[in-house]
Amino acid sequence: MVYEEYDSCRGTKSRPVLFMGGEDMGRLGPAAGMTIDLSSPHGHMKGLTLHAFELPPGNLMAYYAEANVLMGRESDPRSKMPAFQSLPVAIPKAS
């Protein structure tokens, strides 16, 4: 887990970043370097810089703990863990 501004593993220089795979970028229209807003039923993240990263289609990635604003307070009844890795979000479709 990276807590620094610079992430040498992913090649980013700041933390307000949204990672998206190339296939999704092609399908949805945004390009690397664009500023993107992200929302969930629980919150919003504004002004994220889009960064191309190898991810499976339909998946996005953002830094923890910044992305906590998108999380609700629900947790799995058995493990008591929040749904960190399965959170539906919306991004605007580029025109």
C-alpha atoms as a PDB file:
ATOM      1  CA  MET A   1       0.000   0.000   0.000  1.00  0.00           C
ATOM      2  CA  VAL A   2       1.425   3.367  -1.032  1.00  0.00           C
ATOM      3  CA  TYR A   3       0.899   6.397   1.199  1.00  0.00           C
ATOM      4  CA  GLU A   4       3.323   8.785  -0.513  1.00  0.00           C
ATOM      5  CA  GLU A   5       2.440  11.410  -3.126  1.00  0.00           C
ATOM      6  CA  TYR A   6       4.733   9.732  -5.665  1.00  0.00           C
ATOM      7  CA  ASP A   7       3.897   6.129  -6.544  1.00  0.00           C
ATOM      8  CA  SER A   8       6.888   4.546  -8.256  1.00  0.00           C
ATOM      9  CA  CYS A   9       4.941   1.304  -8.857  1.00  0.00           C
ATOM     10  CA  ARG A  10       2.183   2.975 -10.886  1.00  0.00           C
ATOM     11  CA  GLY A  11       4.047   6.023 -12.197  1.00  0.00           C
ATOM     12  CA  THR A  12       1.887   8.713 -10.601  1.00  0.00           C
ATOM     13  CA  LYS A  13       3.126  11.910  -9.001  1.00  0.00           C
ATOM     14  CA  SER A  14       0.084  12.714  -6.864  1.00  0.00           C
ATOM     15  CA  ARG A  15      -2.759  10.911  -5.141  1.00  0.00           C
ATOM     16  CA  PRO A  16      -5.954  12.371  -6.647  1.00  0.00           C
ATOM     17  CA  VAL A  17      -5.828   9.794  -9.450  1.00  0.00           C
ATOM     18  CA  LEU A  18      -8.340   7.457 -11.052  1.00  0.00           C
ATOM     19  CA  PHE A  19      -6.837   4.401 -12.732  1.00  0.00           C
ATOM     20  CA  MET A  20      -8.702   2.945 -15.726  1.00  0.00           C
ATOM     21  CA  GLY A  21      -7.869   0.230 -18.226  1.00  0.00           C
ATOM     22  CA  GLY A  22      -7.327   1.020 -21.886  1.00  0.00           C
ATOM     23  CA  GLU A  23     -10.337  -0.989 -23.071  1.00  0.00           C
ATOM     24  CA  ASP A  24     -12.664   1.055 -20.839  1.00  0.00           C
ATOM     25  CA  MET A  25     -11.008   4.305 -21.922  1.00  0.00           C
ATOM     26  CA  GLY A  26     -11.696   3.387 -25.542  1.00  0.00           C
ATOM     27  CA  ARG A  27     -15.292   2.400 -24.827  1.00  0.00           C
ATOM     28  CA  LEU A  28     -16.165   5.325 -22.541  1.00  0.00           C
ATOM     29  CA  GLY A  29     -14.150   8.022 -24.314  1.00  0.00           C
ATOM     30  CA  PRO A  30     -11.940   9.683 -21.680  1.00  0.00           C
ATOM     31  CA  ALA A  31      -8.199   9.975 -22.251  1.00  0.00           C
ATOM     32  CA  ALA A  32      -5.282   9.761 -19.859  1.00  0.00           C
ATOM     33  CA  GLY A  33      -4.595  13.103 -18.212  1.00  0.00           C
ATOM     34  CA  MET A  34      -8.239  14.243 -18.247  1.00  0.00           C
ATOM     35  CA  THR A  35      -9.842  15.418 -15.029  1.00  0.00           C
ATOM     36  CA  ILE A  36     -12.631  13.078 -13.938  1.00  0.00           C
ATOM     37  CA  ASP A  37     -15.260  13.206 -11.205  1.00  0.00           C
ATOM     38  CA  LEU A  38     -16.377   9.951  -9.635  1.00  0.00           C
ATOM     39  CA  SER A  39     -19.533   9.298  -7.629  1.00  0.00           C
ATOM     40  CA  SER A  40     -21.213   6.492  -5.749  1.00  0.00           C
ATOM     41  CA  PRO A  41     -24.504   6.352  -3.868  1.00  0.00           C
ATOM     42  CA  HIS A  42     -22.493   7.425  -0.789  1.00  0.00           C
ATOM     43  CA  GLY A  43     -20.210  10.238  -1.939  1.00  0.00           C
ATOM     44  CA  HIS A  44     -18.223  12.054  -4.615  1.00  0.00           C
ATOM     45  CA  MET A  45     -14.587  12.501  -5.555  1.00  0.00           C
ATOM     46  CA  LYS A  46     -13.875  15.500  -7.778  1.00  0.00           C
ATOM     47  CA  GLY A  47     -10.866  16.488  -9.832  1.00  0.00           C
ATOM     48  CA  LEU A  48      -9.194  13.101 -10.251  1.00  0.00           C
ATOM     49  CA  THR A  49      -6.561  12.824 -12.973  1.00  0.00           C
ATOM     50  CA  LEU A  50      -7.248   9.840 -15.214  1.00  0.00           C
ATOM     51  CA  HIS A  51      -4.292   7.480 -15.461  1.00  0.00           C
ATOM     52  CA  ALA A  52      -4.075   4.495 -17.815  1.00  0.00           C
ATOM     53  CA  PHE A  53      -3.319   1.282 -15.959  1.00  0.00           C
ATOM     54  CA  GLU A  54      -3.693  -2.392 -16.761  1.00  0.00           C
ATOM     55  CA  LEU A  55      -7.026  -3.305 -15.173  1.00  0.00           C
ATOM     56  CA  PRO A  56      -9.748  -5.758 -16.202  1.00  0.00           C
ATOM     57  CA  PRO A  57     -12.646  -4.154 -18.120  1.00  0.00           C
ATOM     58  CA  GLY A  58     -15.281  -2.712 -15.819  1.00  0.00           C
ATOM     59  CA  ASN A  59     -12.814  -2.030 -12.989  1.00  0.00           C
ATOM     60  CA  LEU A  60     -11.381   1.232 -11.699  1.00  0.00           C
ATOM     61  CA  MET A  61      -8.834   1.903  -9.016  1.00  0.00           C
ATOM     62  CA  ALA A  62      -8.285   4.895  -6.711  1.00  0.00           C
ATOM     63  CA  TYR A  63      -6.053   5.408  -3.707  1.00  0.00           C
ATOM     64  CA  TYR A  64      -7.031   4.459  -0.175  1.00  0.00           C
ATOM     65  CA  ALA A  65      -7.829   6.358   2.070  1.00  0.00           C
ATOM     66  CA  GLU A  66      -8.954   9.100  -0.337  1.00  0.00           C
ATOM     67  CA  ALA A  67     -11.581   6.834  -1.924  1.00  0.00           C
ATOM     68  CA  ASN A  68     -13.223   6.133   1.449  1.00  0.00           C
ATOM     69  CA  VAL A  69     -15.596   9.018   0.710  1.00  0.00           C
ATOM     70  CA  LEU A  70     -17.260   6.677  -1.833  1.00  0.00           C
ATOM     71  CA  MET A  71     -17.889   3.937   0.727  1.00  0.00           C
ATOM     72  CA  GLY A  72     -21.066   3.433   2.673  1.00  0.00           C
ATOM     73  CA  ARG A  73     -21.197   2.159   6.210  1.00  0.00           C
ATOM     74  CA  GLU A  74     -22.555  -1.270   5.266  1.00  0.00           C
ATOM     75  CA  SER A  75     -20.406  -4.306   5.923  1.00  0.00           C
ATOM     76  CA  ASP A  76     -20.544  -8.001   5.234  1.00  0.00           C
ATOM     77  CA  PRO A  77     -22.645  -9.650   7.971  1.00  0.00           C
ATOM     78  CA  ARG A  78     -20.172 -12.500   8.433  1.00  0.00           C
ATOM     79  CA  SER A  79     -16.744 -10.871   8.105  1.00  0.00           C
ATOM     80  CA  LYS A  80     -17.819  -7.372   9.222  1.00  0.00           C
ATOM     81  CA  MET A  81     -15.613  -5.965   6.423  1.00  0.00           C
ATOM     82  CA  PRO A  82     -16.777  -3.073   4.210  1.00  0.00           C
ATOM     83  CA  ALA A  83     -17.103  -3.685   0.485  1.00  0.00           C
ATOM     84  CA  PHE A  84     -13.719  -2.172  -0.463  1.00  0.00           C
ATOM     85  CA  GLN A  85     -13.367  -4.138  -3.662  1.00  0.00           C
ATOM     86  CA  SER A  86     -16.918  -4.137  -4.948  1.00  0.00           C
ATOM     87  CA  LEU A  87     -18.359  -0.647  -5.061  1.00  0.00           C
ATOM     88  CA  PRO A  88     -20.501   0.571  -7.961  1.00  0.00           C
ATOM     89  CA  VAL A  89     -19.485   4.030  -9.139  1.00  0.00           C
ATOM     90  CA  ALA A  90     -20.422   6.374 -11.969  1.00  0.00           C
ATOM     91  CA  ILE A  91     -18.172   8.490 -14.143  1.00  0.00           C
ATOM     92  CA  PRO A  92     -19.360  10.947 -16.773  1.00  0.00           C
ATOM     93  CA  LYS A  93     -19.151   9.655 -20.316  1.00  0.00           C
ATOM     94  CA  ALA A  94     -16.831  11.834 -22.392  1.00  0.00           C
ATOM     95  CA  SER A  95     -18.366  13.363 -25.481  1.00  0.00           C
END
